[in-house]
C-alpha atoms as a PDB file:
ATOM      1  CA  MET A   1     217.949  46.217  -9.725  1.00  0.00           C
ATOM      2  CA  ARG A   2     219.038  48.637 -12.431  1.00  0.00           C
ATOM      3  CA  THR A   3     219.968  52.154 -11.379  1.00  0.00           C
ATOM      4  CA  GLY A   4     220.716  53.674 -14.766  1.00  0.00           C
ATOM      5  CA  SER A   5     224.359  54.300 -13.847  1.00  0.00           C
ATOM      6  CA  GLU A   6     225.736  50.979 -15.118  1.00  0.00           C
ATOM      7  CA  PRO A   7     227.918  52.373 -17.939  1.00  0.00           C
ATOM      8  CA  VAL A   8     229.437  54.877 -15.511  1.00  0.00           C
ATOM      9  CA  THR A   9     230.108  52.377 -12.721  1.00  0.00           C
ATOM     10  CA  ALA A  10     231.111  49.435 -14.944  1.00  0.00           C
ATOM     11  CA  ARG A  11     234.387  47.713 -14.186  1.00  0.00           C
ATOM     12  CA  SER A  12     236.711  46.402 -16.844  1.00  0.00           C
ATOM     13  CA  PRO A  13     237.266  42.615 -16.835  1.00  0.00           C
ATOM     14  CA  LEU A  14     241.044  42.888 -17.247  1.00  0.00           C
ATOM     15  CA  ARG A  15     241.811  39.549 -15.603  1.00  0.00           C
ATOM     16  CA  LEU A  16     239.613  37.717 -18.102  1.00  0.00           C
ATOM     17  CA  ARG A  17     241.107  39.707 -20.975  1.00  0.00           C
ATOM     18  CA  CYS A  18     244.598  38.814 -19.717  1.00  0.00           C
ATOM     19  CA  ALA A  19     243.732  35.116 -19.598  1.00  0.00           C
ATOM     20  CA  LEU A  20     242.226  35.211 -23.086  1.00  0.00           C
ATOM     21  CA  ALA A  21     245.276  37.038 -24.447  1.00  0.00           C
ATOM     22  CA  LEU A  22     247.567  34.395 -22.933  1.00  0.00           C
ATOM     23  CA  TRP A  23     245.399  31.635 -24.403  1.00  0.00           C
ATOM     24  CA  GLY A  24     245.492  33.286 -27.827  1.00  0.00           C
ATOM     25  CA  LEU A  25     249.235  33.832 -27.573  1.00  0.00           C
ATOM     26  CA  LEU A  26     249.811  30.145 -26.832  1.00  0.00           C
ATOM     27  CA  TRP A  27     247.663  29.059 -29.787  1.00  0.00           C
ATOM     28  CA  ALA A  28     249.311  31.569 -32.121  1.00  0.00           C
ATOM     29  CA  VAL A  29     252.792  30.347 -31.141  1.00  0.00           C
ATOM     30  CA  ALA A  30     251.721  26.737 -31.608  1.00  0.00           C
ATOM     31  CA  GLY A  31     250.164  27.578 -34.976  1.00  0.00           C
ATOM     32  CA  THR A  32     253.284  29.386 -36.149  1.00  0.00           C
ATOM     33  CA  VAL A  33     255.531  26.482 -35.193  1.00  0.00           C
ATOM     34  CA  LEU A  34     253.248  23.820 -36.671  1.00  0.00           C
ATOM     35  CA  PHE A  35     252.587  25.664 -39.940  1.00  0.00           C
ATOM     36  CA  ALA A  36     256.280  26.447 -40.371  1.00  0.00           C
ATOM     37  CA  ALA A  37     257.115  22.765 -39.786  1.00  0.00           C
ATOM     38  CA  ALA A  38     254.427  21.717 -42.274  1.00  0.00           C
ATOM     39  CA  GLY A  39     255.818  24.003 -44.994  1.00  0.00           C
ATOM     40  CA  GLN A  40     252.922  26.464 -45.023  1.00  0.00           C
ATOM     41  CA  PRO A  41     254.670  29.868 -44.927  1.00  0.00           C
ATOM     42  CA  GLY A  42     251.488  31.903 -45.519  1.00  0.00           C
ATOM     43  CA  TRP A  43     249.696  30.480 -42.506  1.00  0.00           C
ATOM     44  CA  ALA A  44     252.866  30.704 -40.421  1.00  0.00           C
ATOM     45  CA  ILE A  45     253.123  34.436 -41.228  1.00  0.00           C
ATOM     46  CA  ALA A  46     249.438  34.916 -40.363  1.00  0.00           C
ATOM     47  CA  CYS A  47     250.000  33.248 -36.995  1.00  0.00           C
ATOM     48  CA  ALA A  48     253.118  35.369 -36.443  1.00  0.00           C
ATOM     49  CA  VAL A  49     251.010  38.494 -36.989  1.00  0.00           C
ATOM     50  CA  LEU A  50     248.549  37.143 -34.400  1.00  0.00           C
ATOM     51  CA  ILE A  51     251.466  36.701 -31.998  1.00  0.00           C
ATOM     52  CA  ALA A  52     252.315  40.380 -32.390  1.00  0.00           C
ATOM     53  CA  VAL A  53     248.708  41.466 -31.867  1.00  0.00           C
ATOM     54  CA  THR A  54     248.094  39.284 -28.813  1.00  0.00           C
ATOM     55  CA  ALA A  55     251.462  40.186 -27.270  1.00  0.00           C
ATOM     56  CA  THR A  56     250.661  43.897 -27.671  1.00  0.00           C
ATOM     57  CA  ASP A  57     247.232  43.370 -26.121  1.00  0.00           C
ATOM     58  CA  LEU A  58     248.748  41.406 -23.251  1.00  0.00           C
ATOM     59  CA  ILE A  59     251.304  44.158 -22.581  1.00  0.00           C
ATOM     60  CA  MET A  60     248.561  46.803 -22.530  1.00  0.00           C
ATOM     61  CA  VAL A  61     246.362  44.741 -20.196  1.00  0.00           C
ATOM     62  CA  ILE A  62     249.219  44.139 -17.774  1.00  0.00           C
ATOM     63  CA  ARG A  63     250.077  47.850 -17.899  1.00  0.00           C
ATOM     64  CA  HIS A  64     246.480  48.796 -17.029  1.00  0.00           C
ATOM     65  CA  MET A  65     246.381  46.245 -14.224  1.00  0.00           C
ATOM     66  CA  ARG A  66     249.593  47.626 -12.712  1.00  0.00           C
ATOM     67  CA  GLN A  67     248.297  51.207 -12.804  1.00  0.00           C
ATOM     68  CA  GLY A  68     246.258  50.435  -9.761  1.00  0.00           C
ATOM     69  CA  PRO A  69     242.698  50.525  -8.512  1.00  0.00           C
ATOM     70  CA  HIS A  70     241.648  53.463 -10.661  1.00  0.00           C
ATOM     71  CA  TYR A  71     241.820  51.230 -13.739  1.00  0.00           C
ATOM     72  CA  GLN A  72     241.140  47.847 -12.152  1.00  0.00           C
ATOM     73  CA  PRO A  73     239.528  48.116  -8.742  1.00  0.00           C
ATOM     74  CA  GLY A  74     239.452  45.033  -6.583  1.00  0.00           C
ATOM     75  CA  ARG A  75     236.395  43.511  -5.005  1.00  0.00           C
ATOM     76  CA  ASP A  76     236.830  45.636  -1.879  1.00  0.00           C
ATOM     77  CA  VAL A  77     236.675  48.952  -3.820  1.00  0.00           C
ATOM     78  CA  PRO A  78     233.116  50.193  -4.315  1.00  0.00           C
ATOM     79  CA  PRO A  79     232.070  51.358  -7.783  1.00  0.00           C
ATOM     80  CA  TYR A  80     232.447  55.024  -8.616  1.00  0.00           C
ATOM     81  CA  GLU A  81     229.381  57.200  -8.234  1.00  0.00           C
ATOM     82  CA  PRO A  82     228.164  58.747 -11.487  1.00  0.00           C
ATOM     83  CA  VAL A  83     228.678  62.454 -12.070  1.00  0.00           C
ATOM     84  CA  ARG A  84     225.321  64.116 -11.689  1.00  0.00           C
ATOM     85  CA  ASN A  85     224.110  67.013 -13.787  1.00  0.00           C
ATOM     86  CA  ARG A  86     222.952  69.733 -11.406  1.00  0.00           C
ATOM     87  CA  ASN A  87     220.129  70.838 -13.705  1.00  0.00           C
ATOM     88  CA  VAL A  88     218.502  67.412 -14.003  1.00  0.00           C
ATOM     89  CA  PRO A  89     217.180  65.415 -11.020  1.00  0.00           C
ATOM     90  CA  PRO A  90     218.974  62.059 -10.576  1.00  0.00           C
ATOM     91  CA  TYR A  91     217.767  59.100 -12.640  1.00  0.00           C
ATOM     92  CA  GLU A  92     215.002  61.034 -14.304  1.00  0.00           C
ATOM     93  CA  PRO A  93     214.889  60.574 -18.073  1.00  0.00           C
ATOM     94  CA  VAL A  94     215.425  63.700 -20.147  1.00  0.00           C
ATOM     95  CA  ARG A  95     212.386  64.424 -22.275  1.00  0.00           C
ATOM     96  CA  ARG A  96     213.152  65.479 -25.822  1.00  0.00           C
ATOM     97  CA  PRO A  97     210.659  67.081 -28.188  1.00  0.00           C
ATOM     98  CA  ARG A  98     209.223  64.822 -30.855  1.00  0.00           C
ATOM     99  CA  ARG A  99     210.300  65.338 -34.440  1.00  0.00           C
ATOM    100  CA  ARG A 100     207.565  65.871 -36.966  1.00  0.00           C
END
């Protein structure tokens, strides 16, 4: 059942993002080593740039995970309630005038 508050109560999938960053980091390291061994410096540099990007992403994900339940609530933490506008009844669409 949709309530209309999904973007407000959405939770970030940081664990999945962490796993994907680790997977990408492993492939980028392997690519750098293999391309350097094969004598392809251009591709080795490209993979080295990917190492830097994925390592930065991994550091940021781990930082957000360590900041606690405000950024990555566990399964036992209920989703945040949306902030309600006092002038508009809850979950009622705002009617806008039609443009002519």
